Every structure is written in C-alpha cells, then in structure tokens.
C-alpha atoms as a PDB file:
ATOM      1  CA  MET A   1       2.648 -10.160   6.294  1.00  0.00           C
ATOM      2  CA  ASN A   2       4.984  -7.309   5.301  1.00  0.00           C
ATOM      3  CA  ILE A   3       3.441  -3.887   4.765  1.00  0.00           C
ATOM      4  CA  LEU A   4       5.101  -0.785   3.348  1.00  0.00           C
ATOM      5  CA  VAL A   5       3.514   2.520   4.417  1.00  0.00           C
ATOM      6  CA  VAL A   6       4.353   5.426   2.110  1.00  0.00           C
ATOM      7  CA  ASP A   7       3.305   8.905   3.229  1.00  0.00           C
ATOM      8  CA  ASP A   8       5.074  12.263   3.352  1.00  0.00           C
ATOM      9  CA  GLU A   9       3.229  13.247   6.533  1.00  0.00           C
ATOM     10  CA  VAL A  10       5.364  12.039   9.449  1.00  0.00           C
ATOM     11  CA  ASP A  11       2.497  11.843  11.952  1.00  0.00           C
ATOM     12  CA  GLN A  12       0.330   9.871   9.535  1.00  0.00           C
ATOM     13  CA  ARG A  13       3.194   7.469   8.801  1.00  0.00           C
ATOM     14  CA  ILE A  14       3.957   6.857  12.478  1.00  0.00           C
ATOM     15  CA  LEU A  15       0.300   6.474  13.452  1.00  0.00           C
ATOM     16  CA  THR A  16      -0.318   3.986  10.645  1.00  0.00           C
ATOM     17  CA  GLN A  17       2.855   2.055  11.461  1.00  0.00           C
ATOM     18  CA  CYS A  18       1.924   1.775  15.155  1.00  0.00           C
ATOM     19  CA  LEU A  19      -1.604   0.635  14.354  1.00  0.00           C
ATOM     20  CA  LEU A  20      -0.456  -1.992  11.855  1.00  0.00           C
ATOM     21  CA  GLU A  21       2.218  -3.291  14.229  1.00  0.00           C
ATOM     22  CA  GLU A  22      -0.411  -3.546  16.958  1.00  0.00           C
ATOM     23  CA  TRP A  23      -2.435  -5.683  14.530  1.00  0.00           C
ATOM     24  CA  GLY A  24       0.610  -7.960  14.179  1.00  0.00           C
ATOM     25  CA  TYR A  25       2.066  -6.854  10.843  1.00  0.00           C
ATOM     26  CA  ASP A  26       5.723  -6.251   9.959  1.00  0.00           C
ATOM     27  CA  VAL A  27       5.866  -2.619   8.817  1.00  0.00           C
ATOM     28  CA  GLN A  28       8.388  -0.515   6.927  1.00  0.00           C
ATOM     29  CA  THR A  29       7.866   3.153   6.099  1.00  0.00           C
ATOM     30  CA  ALA A  30       8.911   5.558   3.374  1.00  0.00           C
ATOM     31  CA  SER A  31       8.333   9.293   3.033  1.00  0.00           C
ATOM     32  CA  ASN A  32       7.993   9.384  -0.766  1.00  0.00           C
ATOM     33  CA  GLY A  33       7.724   7.190  -3.845  1.00  0.00           C
ATOM     34  CA  LYS A  34      11.473   7.079  -4.474  1.00  0.00           C
ATOM     35  CA  GLU A  35      12.130   5.692  -0.989  1.00  0.00           C
ATOM     36  CA  ALA A  36       9.270   3.228  -1.485  1.00  0.00           C
ATOM     37  CA  LEU A  37      10.900   1.824  -4.627  1.00  0.00           C
ATOM     38  CA  GLU A  38      14.230   1.409  -2.831  1.00  0.00           C
ATOM     39  CA  LEU A  39      12.592  -0.410   0.083  1.00  0.00           C
ATOM     40  CA  ALA A  40      10.446  -2.591  -2.191  1.00  0.00           C
ATOM     41  CA  ARG A  41      13.577  -3.813  -3.981  1.00  0.00           C
ATOM     42  CA  GLN A  42      14.997  -4.919  -0.622  1.00  0.00           C
ATOM     43  CA  ARG A  43      11.981  -6.057   1.412  1.00  0.00           C
ATOM     44  CA  PHE A  44       9.373  -7.359  -1.091  1.00  0.00           C
ATOM     45  CA  PRO A  45       6.260  -6.053   0.705  1.00  0.00           C
ATOM     46  CA  ASP A  46       3.011  -8.002   0.471  1.00  0.00           C
ATOM     47  CA  VAL A  47       0.980  -4.797   0.813  1.00  0.00           C
ATOM     48  CA  VAL A  48       1.776  -1.165   0.058  1.00  0.00           C
ATOM     49  CA  LEU A  49      -0.338   1.622   1.564  1.00  0.00           C
ATOM     50  CA  ILE A  50       0.592   4.613  -0.550  1.00  0.00           C
ATOM     51  CA  ASP A  51      -0.360   8.269  -0.354  1.00  0.00           C
ATOM     52  CA  LEU A  52      -0.901   9.780  -3.789  1.00  0.00           C
ATOM     53  CA  ASN A  53       0.065  13.410  -3.206  1.00  0.00           C
ATOM     54  CA  MET A  54       3.740  13.456  -2.157  1.00  0.00           C
ATOM     55  CA  PRO A  55       6.911  15.346  -3.088  1.00  0.00           C
ATOM     56  CA  VAL A  56       9.924  13.776  -4.851  1.00  0.00           C
ATOM     57  CA  MET A  57       7.795  11.053  -6.494  1.00  0.00           C
ATOM     58  CA  ASN A  58       4.019  10.980  -6.127  1.00  0.00           C
ATOM     59  CA  GLY A  59       2.022   7.843  -5.429  1.00  0.00           C
ATOM     60  CA  PHE A  60       0.759   7.456  -9.001  1.00  0.00           C
ATOM     61  CA  GLU A  61       4.268   7.301 -10.488  1.00  0.00           C
ATOM     62  CA  ALA A  62       5.596   5.198  -7.621  1.00  0.00           C
ATOM     63  CA  THR A  63       2.780   2.680  -8.118  1.00  0.00           C
ATOM     64  CA  ARG A  64       3.498   2.449 -11.854  1.00  0.00           C
ATOM     65  CA  GLN A  65       7.170   1.800 -11.120  1.00  0.00           C
ATOM     66  CA  LEU A  66       6.433  -0.654  -8.306  1.00  0.00           C
ATOM     67  CA  ARG A  67       4.295  -2.689 -10.701  1.00  0.00           C
ATOM     68  CA  LEU A  68       7.308  -3.046 -13.023  1.00  0.00           C
ATOM     69  CA  LEU A  69       9.320  -4.851 -10.326  1.00  0.00           C
ATOM     70  CA  PRO A  70       9.076  -8.659 -10.651  1.00  0.00           C
ATOM     71  CA  GLN A  71       8.856  -9.074  -6.860  1.00  0.00           C
ATOM     72  CA  MET A  72       5.777  -6.834  -6.789  1.00  0.00           C
ATOM     73  CA  THR A  73       3.676  -9.007  -9.115  1.00  0.00           C
ATOM     74  CA  ASN A  74       1.449 -10.300  -6.321  1.00  0.00           C
ATOM     75  CA  ALA A  75       1.695  -7.286  -4.010  1.00  0.00           C
ATOM     76  CA  HIS A  76      -1.530  -5.553  -3.072  1.00  0.00           C
ATOM     77  CA  ILE A  77      -1.244  -1.771  -3.482  1.00  0.00           C
ATOM     78  CA  ILE A  78      -3.780   0.412  -1.690  1.00  0.00           C
ATOM     79  CA  ALA A  79      -3.981   4.121  -2.477  1.00  0.00           C
ATOM     80  CA  VAL A  80      -4.655   6.185   0.645  1.00  0.00           C
ATOM     81  CA  SER A  81      -5.404   9.875   0.155  1.00  0.00           C
ATOM     82  CA  ALA A  82      -7.772  12.591   1.301  1.00  0.00           C
ATOM     83  CA  TYR A  83      -8.324  13.330  -2.403  1.00  0.00           C
ATOM     84  CA  LEU A  84     -10.050   9.969  -2.852  1.00  0.00           C
ATOM     85  CA  HIS A  85     -13.196  10.899  -0.905  1.00  0.00           C
ATOM     86  CA  ASN A  86     -15.988  11.285  -3.468  1.00  0.00           C
ATOM     87  CA  ASN A  87     -13.496  11.924  -6.261  1.00  0.00           C
ATOM     88  CA  GLN A  88     -13.927   9.368  -9.016  1.00  0.00           C
ATOM     89  CA  GLU A  89     -11.186  10.946 -11.141  1.00  0.00           C
ATOM     90  CA  TRP A  90      -8.540  10.290  -8.476  1.00  0.00           C
ATOM     91  CA  CYS A  91      -9.866   6.759  -7.897  1.00  0.00           C
ATOM     92  CA  ASP A  92      -9.674   6.079 -11.639  1.00  0.00           C
ATOM     93  CA  ARG A  93      -6.138   7.479 -11.837  1.00  0.00           C
ATOM     94  CA  ALA A  94      -5.054   5.322  -8.892  1.00  0.00           C
ATOM     95  CA  SER A  95      -6.539   2.236 -10.527  1.00  0.00           C
ATOM     96  CA  ALA A  96      -4.899   3.049 -13.881  1.00  0.00           C
ATOM     97  CA  ALA A  97      -1.538   3.422 -12.128  1.00  0.00           C
ATOM     98  CA  GLY A  98      -1.894  -0.080 -10.675  1.00  0.00           C
ATOM     99  CA  CYS A  99      -3.583   0.313  -7.294  1.00  0.00           C
ATOM    100  CA  ASP A 100      -5.850  -2.549  -6.276  1.00  0.00           C
ATOM    101  CA  LYS A 101      -7.945  -0.456  -3.894  1.00  0.00           C
ATOM    102  CA  SER A 102      -8.457   3.201  -2.965  1.00  0.00           C
ATOM    103  CA  LEU A 103      -9.235   4.457   0.535  1.00  0.00           C
ATOM    104  CA  GLY A 104      -9.951   8.052   1.493  1.00  0.00           C
ATOM    105  CA  LYS A 105      -8.325   9.716   4.497  1.00  0.00           C
ATOM    106  CA  PRO A 106      -9.181   9.535   7.248  1.00  0.00           C
ATOM    107  CA  VAL A 107      -9.250   5.812   6.663  1.00  0.00           C
ATOM    108  CA  ASP A 108     -12.091   3.783   8.118  1.00  0.00           C
ATOM    109  CA  LEU A 109     -10.080   1.364  10.260  1.00  0.00           C
ATOM    110  CA  ASN A 110     -12.654  -1.414   9.918  1.00  0.00           C
ATOM    111  CA  VAL A 111     -12.429  -1.203   6.130  1.00  0.00           C
ATOM    112  CA  LEU A 112      -8.613  -1.237   6.252  1.00  0.00           C
ATOM    113  CA  ARG A 113      -8.536  -4.161   8.673  1.00  0.00           C
ATOM    114  CA  ASN A 114     -10.958  -6.189   6.530  1.00  0.00           C
ATOM    115  CA  GLU A 115      -8.960  -5.443   3.379  1.00  0.00           C
ATOM    116  CA  LEU A 116      -5.735  -6.619   5.028  1.00  0.00           C
ATOM    117  CA  LEU A 117      -7.404  -9.774   6.337  1.00  0.00           C
ATOM    118  CA  GLN A 118      -8.653 -10.562   2.816  1.00  0.00           C
ATOM    119  CA  VAL A 119      -5.187 -10.012   1.345  1.00  0.00           C
ATOM    120  CA  ASP A 120      -3.626 -12.233   4.001  1.00  0.00           C
ATOM    121  CA  ALA A 121      -6.194 -14.981   3.386  1.00  0.00           C
ATOM    122  CA  ALA A 122      -5.536 -14.834  -0.368  1.00  0.00           C
ATOM    123  CA  ARG A 123      -1.771 -15.103   0.264  1.00  0.00           C
ATOM    124  CA  HIS A 124      -2.318 -18.262   2.303  1.00  0.00           C
ATOM    125  CA  ILE A 125      -4.501 -19.788  -0.413  1.00  0.00           C
ATOM    126  CA  ARG A 126      -1.751 -19.122  -3.001  1.00  0.00           C
ATOM    127  CA  LYS A 127       0.835 -20.747  -0.717  1.00  0.00           C
ATOM    128  CA  VAL A 128      -1.316 -23.853  -0.284  1.00  0.00           C
ATOM    129  CA  GLN A 129      -1.824 -24.099  -4.045  1.00  0.00           C
ATOM    130  CA  VAL A 130       1.941 -23.844  -4.626  1.00  0.00           C
ATOM    131  CA  TRP A 131       2.631 -26.637  -2.136  1.00  0.00           C
ATOM    132  CA  ARG A 132       0.216 -29.033  -3.828  1.00  0.00           C
END
C-alpha cells in the first residue's frame, strides 16, 4: 500500500516515514500541500496522512484539491494535527474538506496501525470484487 505523508515538520515527517516503512508500507513524503498534489498526480497514493497547519498550502485546501483528482477517488485521507485533540471545529473542517478520519498529534500508534489495516483490508475486498 502506498502512503503519502504530508507535514511541514521535518522530524515528524521522517519519524512517520520510518515507522510506516518498518510496518511494510511504501512511503513518499511532502512538506506542504502543493508538493502533496504534485506527488499524488505521479504516485496515486492509497492513503494520505496530512497535517492541517502548514505553509504554502494548508492541509484543508490540499485535501479539497486532492479530492478533485480522479486518481484520488478511493484514497483514504487522514488529517493529523495537534489542533485535532478535543477540537470539534477542526475535526468538522477536516471532514468538510474531504478527510476520512482525523487523528490528533501525538498520534496513538495503535489507532493509526488499526486504521491502516482496515484501509488495506477494504482495498483487497474492492480488488476481489473487480476480479469477479
């Protein structure tokens, strides 16, 4: 499964990339929403983990634009931000922009792992249905 990690914080991006690669995922990274759009047009990620508060293009706008790309129809976009902890307004804004899930930083790794496993299982079910 291909995952795109979008975060302006270098340490957060690298840490997340290393963890996801250790879990067996193919990972690309971007430092802002504009870079994320460019990569999504080339790589067609299955999952996007996107920070919401970034320079150049924030995660809300990037998510809206990602959802306009035909190759992103079935992608699972997860908002990841410290602003999401106990902040319903930010969760609602992320959902309205097109995010499927919102996770507060620091991310509970068990929750993230379970979410990715569910997405991967759903992808396999869709593939089986297509082959029938």
